[in-house]
């Protein structure tokens, strides 16, 4: 399954445990933060000033089962 801009960070992590390295690289995950479960990858990228396409590419590259 492909990680998309409309998924939450938690959804991305559920798709591929390897996504954790990308999330950690950008310091995006805070288990106690409400946004980790509610904010989309796109919202997180915009709020943090991260290029969305780069983030998506890295998340999907980390996903060996991407279809």
Protein backbone atom coordinates (compact mmCIF):
# COMPACT_ATOMS: atom_id res chain seq x y z
CA UNK A 1 0.00 0.00 0.00
CA UNK A 2 1.26 3.45 -0.90
CA UNK A 3 1.56 6.20 1.72
CA UNK A 4 -0.38 9.27 0.60
CA UNK A 5 -0.63 12.92 1.58
CA UNK A 6 -4.06 12.27 3.12
CA UNK A 7 -2.87 9.69 5.67
CA UNK A 8 -1.97 10.51 9.24
CA UNK A 9 1.55 9.94 10.52
CA UNK A 10 0.21 7.01 12.57
CA UNK A 11 -1.31 5.45 9.46
CA UNK A 12 2.01 5.78 7.64
CA UNK A 13 3.75 4.04 10.53
CA UNK A 14 1.20 1.22 10.47
CA UNK A 15 1.78 0.65 6.76
CA UNK A 16 5.52 0.23 7.17
CA UNK A 17 7.55 -0.02 10.34
CA UNK A 18 10.46 1.31 8.26
CA UNK A 19 8.62 4.63 8.02
CA UNK A 20 9.68 5.26 11.62
CA UNK A 21 13.21 6.13 10.48
CA UNK A 22 11.84 8.82 8.13
CA UNK A 23 9.47 10.15 10.78
CA UNK A 24 12.34 10.29 13.27
CA UNK A 25 14.64 11.98 10.73
CA UNK A 26 12.19 14.88 10.45
CA UNK A 27 11.28 14.80 14.16
CA UNK A 28 7.60 14.38 13.31
CA UNK A 29 6.37 11.82 15.79
CA UNK A 30 5.21 12.51 19.30
CA UNK A 31 3.12 9.59 20.58
CA UNK A 32 1.28 11.78 23.04
CA UNK A 33 0.55 14.51 20.47
CA UNK A 34 -2.98 14.66 19.17
CA UNK A 35 -1.68 15.66 15.73
CA UNK A 36 0.16 12.37 15.16
CA UNK A 37 -3.18 10.61 14.86
CA UNK A 38 -5.21 13.42 13.32
CA UNK A 39 -3.00 15.55 11.08
CA UNK A 40 -2.31 14.32 7.57
CA UNK A 41 1.15 13.92 6.12
CA UNK A 42 0.42 17.00 4.03
CA UNK A 43 -0.58 19.15 7.01
CA UNK A 44 2.45 18.02 8.99
CA UNK A 45 4.78 18.81 6.07
CA UNK A 46 3.27 22.27 5.58
CA UNK A 47 3.33 23.08 9.29
CA UNK A 48 6.97 21.99 9.60
CA UNK A 49 8.19 23.56 6.33
CA UNK A 50 9.09 20.19 4.81
CA UNK A 51 8.73 19.62 1.08
CA UNK A 52 5.69 17.34 0.79
CA UNK A 53 6.86 15.46 -2.30
CA UNK A 54 10.26 14.75 -0.73
CA UNK A 55 8.63 13.49 2.47
CA UNK A 56 6.21 11.26 0.57
CA UNK A 57 9.02 9.89 -1.59
CA UNK A 58 11.09 9.02 1.47
CA UNK A 59 8.15 7.45 3.29
CA UNK A 60 7.26 5.33 0.28
CA UNK A 61 10.87 4.37 -0.40
CA UNK A 62 10.99 2.99 3.15
CA UNK A 63 7.95 0.84 2.41
CA UNK A 64 9.08 -2.45 0.83
CA UNK A 65 5.47 -3.58 0.25
CA UNK A 66 4.39 -0.52 -1.69
CA UNK A 67 2.09 -1.36 -4.58
